[in-house]
Structures are given as C-alpha cells and as structure tokens.
Amino acid sequence: MSKFGIQSASELKDWLESQDETLGELVLNRDIKIGMEAWRKKAMLQLVYFAVRARAETARMILEFGKVPYLDRSVPEYFGGSRWPAVKSAGLTAFGQLPVLDIDGTQLSQEAAINRYCAGLVPGLIPADPVQAALADSIYMAAEELAVSNPIVNVHRGEKFEEAKREFFGTFPRRLKNFGRLIRKTGGPYTMGAEPRYCDFKLYHHLSNARSLEPTSLDGEEGVGAFMEAVEGLAGVKEYLTKRPVPIDIRVKPMLDPNVVGTRHEEKGEGGSSQKKQKV
C-alpha cells in the first residue's frame, strides 16, 4: 500500500506519530490518506449471519458509516448450501456461533472482535489514546449487558417472551440512567463527546431494540434522545437504517420484513451468474 510500505491501520498510526509535525496535512492528504483508503478497500469482507436484527447490526452500521465495502451472506450462501445445524455439527465455525466475518478467507468469530476489527478500518472510531480506547471498550461492554434484548425481539414467543421482557425491563431503567449520565457528563451527543466511537453503534442497537419493545422506554432520560438522533443522522448510517429489514410480529412469530440477511447482497447477472453488489 503506498510508497511508505504501511500494511495496517496500526502501522499507519505508528508512522504518523513518528513524523515531524511540520509534515502537516500535505503528506496526510496526498499520500497517507490515499494509501489508507486503498488498504481499507482491498480486503473482501463477507458478514455471515441469520435473518435477524441482532449481533451483526453493530458491524453493519460501522461499515456503512466508514463506507467500507462488504457483503451480507446467509448461512447457505456462504457454506455452499448447507443449513446451520449441519454447519455447526461439522465445526465449520471456530466456536459454533454466528456471526462470522470472512476477511479474504480468514474467519473472524465473536461479535466484539468483529466489531473492533471493523472499527479499526474507520479512522476515529477507536481512540488513539490507550486510556480513551479502554474507556470506549468499557462502554461497549456495558452495552453488551443489554444483549438479552436480541432474543426478545427476534426469537421468543408467548409466555417466554413476556417473562423475558419483564426481566429485561426490570433492570433497564437503571442501566439507561447510567448511559444518560455518561452522555451528559461528556457533553454528548455521543457517549464520549462530540465524535462517534465504535461503542456508540453497539449501544444504539440495544437501545433501538428496547424502543421496539416499548416505544416510550427511552423517554425521560436526558441526553439519550439526542444520542439516538445523532447516531441516526450519521452519513451512511442514516441510509442504512432506512433500508434495513424491519422486525415484525414480535412475540407472535418474529421475523424480518423482508426476511433476508442484511442489505448488501450479490446480484444475479445475465445467465444467473453472481455479481457482487458492494459499492458503499
């Protein structure tokens, strides 16, 4: 990548920090910025998941925000027609779970690892300062404590749904208050201040789930409404949120409408050949 031989975002960061400040914006804009763009786009990313609004949403929002090309793949599409039970039994994913992110043939498992990798492709989403980066991680993990919202929205039915929902909202007000206090302390509109970090997309997803279950659940906590609006207004994210599949029949027969995996798909060309639709 570029004449400097930089191969990754971390190497780019180290190189920039080693240079004299007098290099200024000229080098950044002409050589490094161009080279970074080429590096971000050279890897073919395939995000493999189910047709649910759950553990792939944060990665999708990060990639859409960063204009990083990727493809959404269902289990049969990615695994040559095999369904999930067969894929899991055969040990074709590292930990028997989804999502996985295929990076030029290397499978990356676990949502947090996937989201942090994706965030590393987008300048600014992971703070350069180690302490600030750790704070972003802590906010991410606090948002993960709301992850029980995923099966409530996408899986549970009937009495199991009602029981899980009661349990979730039993602790939700306390957790929401913590996030509201954090947003106000940093000045907002995001959890760490004026600029979005990768943890904000994770928090947005789970608060959006809560709002799907109870439309007024976010009301009354100062700062949270502005946070949601700020994330929803981000370039790339705004467009994605308007076109992504919508959860329907929650509690009764939950599914997405349309019932497909994500929004970035391969299109069939003439003669049925696949054409990758990945322009962002």
Protein backbone atom coordinates (compact mmCIF):
# COMPACT_ATOMS: atom_id res chain seq x y z
CA MET A 1 0.00 0.00 0.00
CA SER A 2 1.59 3.45 -0.76
CA LYS A 3 5.29 4.16 -1.03
CA PHE A 4 5.68 4.04 2.76
CA GLY A 5 5.02 0.28 2.90
CA ILE A 6 2.27 0.60 5.51
CA GLN A 7 0.11 -2.52 5.72
CA SER A 8 -2.36 -1.84 8.52
CA ALA A 9 -4.17 0.88 10.46
CA SER A 10 -1.88 0.36 13.47
CA GLU A 11 1.21 0.76 11.29
CA LEU A 12 -0.30 3.92 9.83
CA LYS A 13 -0.86 5.30 13.32
CA ASP A 14 2.72 4.46 14.39
CA TRP A 15 4.14 6.06 11.27
CA LEU A 16 2.18 9.27 11.73
CA GLU A 17 3.25 9.55 15.36
CA SER A 18 6.92 9.16 14.35
CA GLN A 19 6.87 12.03 11.86
CA ASP A 20 7.76 15.66 12.42
CA GLU A 21 4.64 17.75 12.81
CA THR A 22 5.86 20.06 10.05
CA LEU A 23 4.85 17.41 7.52
CA GLY A 24 1.33 18.58 8.28
CA GLU A 25 -1.72 17.97 6.19
CA LEU A 26 0.16 17.76 2.88
CA VAL A 27 1.53 14.28 3.47
CA LEU A 28 -1.61 13.12 5.24
CA ASN A 29 -3.92 14.22 2.47
CA ARG A 30 -1.81 13.21 -0.54
CA ASP A 31 -0.02 10.01 0.37
CA ILE A 32 -1.29 8.56 3.64
CA LYS A 33 -4.96 9.32 3.16
CA ILE A 34 -4.92 7.82 -0.33
CA GLY A 35 -2.97 4.81 0.88
CA MET A 36 -5.29 4.28 3.85
CA GLU A 37 -8.29 4.32 1.54
CA ALA A 38 -6.70 1.67 -0.66
CA TRP A 39 -5.88 -0.51 2.35
CA ARG A 40 -9.41 -0.26 3.75
CA LYS A 41 -10.92 -1.42 0.46
CA LYS A 42 -8.51 -4.13 -0.58
CA ALA A 43 -9.88 -6.87 1.73
CA MET A 44 -13.11 -8.56 0.69
CA LEU A 45 -15.37 -8.71 3.73
CA GLN A 46 -18.26 -11.16 4.00
CA LEU A 47 -20.51 -10.91 7.04
CA VAL A 48 -22.28 -14.22 7.68
CA TYR A 49 -25.36 -14.29 9.89
CA PHE A 50 -29.03 -15.21 10.26
CA ALA A 51 -32.02 -13.14 9.12
CA VAL A 52 -32.44 -11.42 12.49
CA ARG A 53 -31.71 -7.94 13.86
CA ALA A 54 -29.14 -8.85 16.47
CA ARG A 55 -25.38 -9.44 16.63
CA ALA A 56 -24.47 -8.27 13.14
CA GLU A 57 -26.12 -4.84 13.39
CA THR A 58 -23.21 -3.04 15.04
CA ALA A 59 -20.73 -4.25 12.42
CA ARG A 60 -23.07 -3.23 9.62
CA MET A 61 -23.53 0.28 11.00
CA ILE A 62 -19.78 0.69 11.46
CA LEU A 63 -19.04 -0.47 7.91
CA GLU A 64 -21.80 1.69 6.44
CA PHE A 65 -20.56 4.73 8.36
CA GLY A 66 -17.00 4.13 7.20
CA LYS A 67 -18.02 3.41 3.60
CA VAL A 68 -16.21 0.07 3.80
CA PRO A 69 -17.43 -2.40 1.13
CA TYR A 70 -18.77 -5.73 2.36
CA LEU A 71 -21.28 -8.44 1.52
CA ASP A 72 -24.03 -9.89 3.70
CA ARG A 73 -24.16 -13.66 3.36
CA SER A 74 -26.70 -16.14 4.68
CA VAL A 75 -25.53 -19.48 6.04
CA PRO A 76 -26.47 -21.43 2.87
CA GLU A 77 -24.88 -18.80 0.63
CA TYR A 78 -21.59 -18.88 2.47
CA PHE A 79 -21.42 -22.59 3.30
CA GLY A 80 -22.32 -23.97 -0.12
CA GLY A 81 -26.00 -24.63 0.54
CA SER A 82 -25.64 -26.18 4.00
CA ARG A 83 -28.03 -25.16 6.76
CA TRP A 84 -26.90 -24.03 10.20
CA PRO A 85 -27.38 -27.34 12.10
CA ALA A 86 -25.10 -29.12 9.63
CA VAL A 87 -22.58 -26.28 9.66
CA LYS A 88 -22.47 -26.27 13.45
CA SER A 89 -22.18 -30.04 13.74
CA ALA A 90 -19.32 -30.07 11.24
CA GLY A 91 -17.40 -27.46 13.25
CA LEU A 92 -17.17 -25.05 10.32
CA THR A 93 -17.04 -22.00 12.62
CA ALA A 94 -14.49 -21.57 15.37
CA PHE A 95 -16.89 -21.56 18.31
CA GLY A 96 -20.10 -22.94 16.82
CA GLN A 97 -21.65 -19.49 16.69
CA LEU A 98 -22.56 -16.68 14.32
CA PRO A 99 -21.85 -14.07 13.14
CA VAL A 100 -18.52 -14.65 11.47
CA LEU A 101 -16.66 -12.15 9.33
CA ASP A 102 -14.72 -13.61 6.42
CA ILE A 103 -11.68 -11.44 5.66
CA ASP A 104 -10.21 -12.71 2.40
CA GLY A 105 -10.73 -16.30 3.54
CA THR A 106 -9.88 -15.85 7.23
CA GLN A 107 -12.87 -16.36 9.50
CA LEU A 108 -13.16 -13.99 12.45
CA SER A 109 -15.63 -15.07 15.14
CA GLN A 110 -17.20 -13.38 18.16
CA GLU A 111 -19.22 -10.17 17.82
CA ALA A 112 -16.89 -7.98 19.89
CA ALA A 113 -13.82 -9.00 17.89
CA ILE A 114 -15.68 -8.44 14.62
CA ASN A 115 -16.89 -5.01 15.69
CA ARG A 116 -13.45 -3.90 16.87
CA TYR A 117 -11.85 -5.11 13.64
CA CYS A 118 -14.43 -3.21 11.59
CA ALA A 119 -13.95 -0.11 13.73
CA GLY A 120 -10.21 -0.31 13.08
CA LEU A 121 -10.94 0.19 9.38
CA VAL A 122 -12.65 3.52 10.07
CA PRO A 123 -10.42 6.37 11.28
CA GLY A 124 -11.56 7.83 14.60
CA LEU A 125 -13.90 5.12 15.80
CA ILE A 126 -11.24 3.70 18.16
CA PRO A 127 -9.46 6.45 20.09
CA ALA A 128 -5.70 6.64 19.54
CA ASP A 129 -5.03 7.21 23.24
CA PRO A 130 -4.89 3.83 25.05
CA VAL A 131 -6.86 5.10 28.04
CA GLN A 132 -9.61 6.54 25.85
CA ALA A 133 -9.66 3.33 23.80
CA ALA A 134 -10.13 1.34 27.01
CA LEU A 135 -12.97 3.66 28.04
CA ALA A 136 -14.63 3.01 24.68
CA ASP A 137 -14.26 -0.72 25.32
CA SER A 138 -15.85 -0.33 28.75
CA ILE A 139 -18.86 1.44 27.25
CA TYR A 140 -19.13 -1.29 24.64
CA MET A 141 -19.16 -3.97 27.31
CA ALA A 142 -21.74 -2.07 29.34
CA ALA A 143 -23.95 -2.01 26.26
CA GLU A 144 -23.38 -5.75 25.86
CA GLU A 145 -25.23 -6.19 29.18
CA LEU A 146 -28.37 -5.25 27.22
CA ALA A 147 -27.84 -8.05 24.69
CA VAL A 148 -30.70 -10.11 26.10
CA SER A 149 -32.86 -7.74 24.03
CA ASN A 150 -31.77 -9.65 20.92
CA PRO A 151 -33.68 -12.90 21.53
CA ILE A 152 -36.65 -10.99 22.96
CA VAL A 153 -37.06 -9.10 19.69
CA ASN A 154 -36.09 -11.92 17.33
CA VAL A 155 -36.85 -15.29 18.92
CA HIS A 156 -39.10 -15.53 21.99
CA ARG A 157 -42.83 -16.06 21.71
CA GLY A 158 -45.83 -16.12 24.00
CA GLU A 159 -45.24 -16.50 27.72
CA LYS A 160 -41.48 -16.92 27.28
CA PHE A 161 -41.46 -13.56 25.52
CA GLU A 162 -43.46 -11.90 28.30
CA GLU A 163 -41.23 -13.34 31.02
CA ALA A 164 -38.01 -12.32 29.27
CA LYS A 165 -39.38 -8.86 28.57
CA ARG A 166 -40.37 -8.31 32.22
CA GLU A 167 -36.91 -9.38 33.36
CA PHE A 168 -35.19 -7.13 30.82
CA PHE A 169 -37.16 -4.02 31.72
CA GLY A 170 -36.74 -4.77 35.42
CA THR A 171 -33.10 -3.64 35.19
CA PHE A 172 -33.28 -1.48 32.07
CA PRO A 173 -34.15 1.87 33.76
CA ARG A 174 -31.04 1.66 35.96
CA ARG A 175 -28.80 0.85 33.02
CA LEU A 176 -30.38 3.58 30.90
CA LYS A 177 -29.77 6.09 33.67
CA ASN A 178 -26.08 5.18 33.69
CA PHE A 179 -25.79 5.82 29.95
CA GLY A 180 -27.72 9.07 30.21
CA ARG A 181 -25.44 10.30 32.97
CA LEU A 182 -22.38 9.39 30.90
CA ILE A 183 -23.66 11.24 27.84
CA ARG A 184 -24.40 14.36 29.87
CA LYS A 185 -21.00 14.21 31.59
CA THR A 186 -19.09 14.10 28.30
CA GLY A 187 -21.27 16.80 26.74
CA GLY A 188 -22.73 14.47 24.12
CA PRO A 189 -24.28 13.89 21.79
CA TYR A 190 -22.29 10.61 21.85
CA THR A 191 -21.12 8.62 24.85
CA MET A 192 -17.58 10.01 24.62
CA GLY A 193 -18.40 13.52 23.49
CA ALA A 194 -18.76 15.27 20.16
CA GLU A 195 -17.44 12.48 17.92
CA PRO A 196 -18.85 8.96 17.50
CA ARG A 197 -16.85 5.95 18.69
CA TYR A 198 -17.42 2.31 17.90
CA CYS A 199 -19.16 1.70 21.23
CA ASP A 200 -21.92 4.13 20.21
CA PHE A 201 -23.15 1.80 17.47
CA LYS A 202 -23.37 -1.08 19.92
CA LEU A 203 -25.33 1.00 22.41
CA TYR A 204 -27.60 2.35 19.70
CA HIS A 205 -28.53 -1.15 18.58
CA HIS A 206 -29.65 -2.32 22.01
CA LEU A 207 -31.49 0.90 22.81
CA SER A 208 -33.24 0.57 19.46
CA ASN A 209 -34.29 -2.95 20.44
CA ALA A 210 -35.68 -1.62 23.72
CA ARG A 211 -37.60 1.02 21.82
CA SER A 212 -39.03 -1.67 19.53
CA LEU A 213 -40.35 -3.50 22.59
CA GLU A 214 -41.59 -0.40 24.42
CA PRO A 215 -41.79 2.77 22.28
CA THR A 216 -41.56 5.09 25.32
CA SER A 217 -38.78 3.19 27.10
CA LEU A 218 -36.12 5.81 26.32
CA ASP A 219 -38.24 8.81 27.29
CA GLY A 220 -37.37 10.86 30.33
CA GLU A 221 -33.60 10.22 30.43
CA GLU A 222 -31.91 13.44 29.39
CA GLY A 223 -29.35 13.04 26.63
CA VAL A 224 -30.50 9.66 25.38
CA GLY A 225 -32.92 11.02 22.80
CA ALA A 226 -30.25 13.32 21.40
CA PHE A 227 -27.82 10.39 21.31
CA MET A 228 -30.24 8.29 19.27
CA GLU A 229 -30.89 11.15 16.86
CA ALA A 230 -27.17 11.81 16.45
CA VAL A 231 -26.41 8.20 15.51
CA GLU A 232 -29.42 8.06 13.20
CA GLY A 233 -28.21 11.21 11.43
CA LEU A 234 -24.70 9.94 10.64
CA ALA A 235 -23.88 9.68 6.95
CA GLY A 236 -24.10 6.07 5.82
CA VAL A 237 -25.92 5.01 8.97
CA LYS A 238 -28.93 7.15 8.10
CA GLU A 239 -29.27 5.49 4.71
CA TYR A 240 -28.74 2.01 6.13
CA LEU A 241 -31.39 2.42 8.82
CA THR A 242 -33.99 3.43 6.24
CA LYS A 243 -33.43 0.34 4.05
CA ARG A 244 -32.64 -2.46 6.51
CA PRO A 245 -35.25 -5.18 7.12
CA VAL A 246 -37.79 -4.43 9.87
CA PRO A 247 -38.72 -6.82 12.72
CA ILE A 248 -42.40 -7.75 12.53
CA ASP A 249 -44.79 -9.95 14.51
CA ILE A 250 -42.67 -9.63 17.65
CA ARG A 251 -43.94 -12.02 20.37
CA VAL A 252 -46.14 -13.96 17.94
CA LYS A 253 -43.97 -15.14 15.04
CA PRO A 254 -40.93 -12.84 14.94
CA MET A 255 -39.19 -12.36 11.61
CA LEU A 256 -37.77 -9.64 9.40
CA ASP A 257 -39.61 -7.91 6.58
CA PRO A 258 -38.22 -8.66 4.07
CA ASN A 259 -36.92 -11.88 5.64
CA VAL A 260 -33.35 -11.58 4.34
CA VAL A 261 -29.87 -11.24 5.79
CA GLY A 262 -28.79 -7.57 5.77
CA THR A 263 -28.83 -5.27 2.75
CA ARG A 264 -25.55 -5.87 0.88
CA HIS A 265 -26.15 -8.83 -1.42
CA GLU A 266 -24.80 -10.42 -4.56
CA GLU A 267 -26.93 -9.70 -7.57
CA LYS A 268 -27.61 -12.27 -10.25
CA GLY A 269 -26.38 -11.15 -13.65
CA GLU A 270 -27.36 -12.42 -17.06
CA GLY A 271 -27.37 -16.19 -17.19
CA GLY A 272 -27.66 -16.41 -13.38
CA SER A 273 -24.04 -15.52 -12.66
CA SER A 274 -23.36 -13.69 -9.40
CA GLN A 275 -22.30 -10.06 -9.46
CA LYS A 276 -21.00 -8.61 -6.20
CA LYS A 277 -23.01 -5.61 -5.07
CA GLN A 278 -20.71 -3.93 -2.61
CA LYS A 279 -20.45 -0.28 -3.56
CA VAL A 280 -20.96 1.81 -0.44
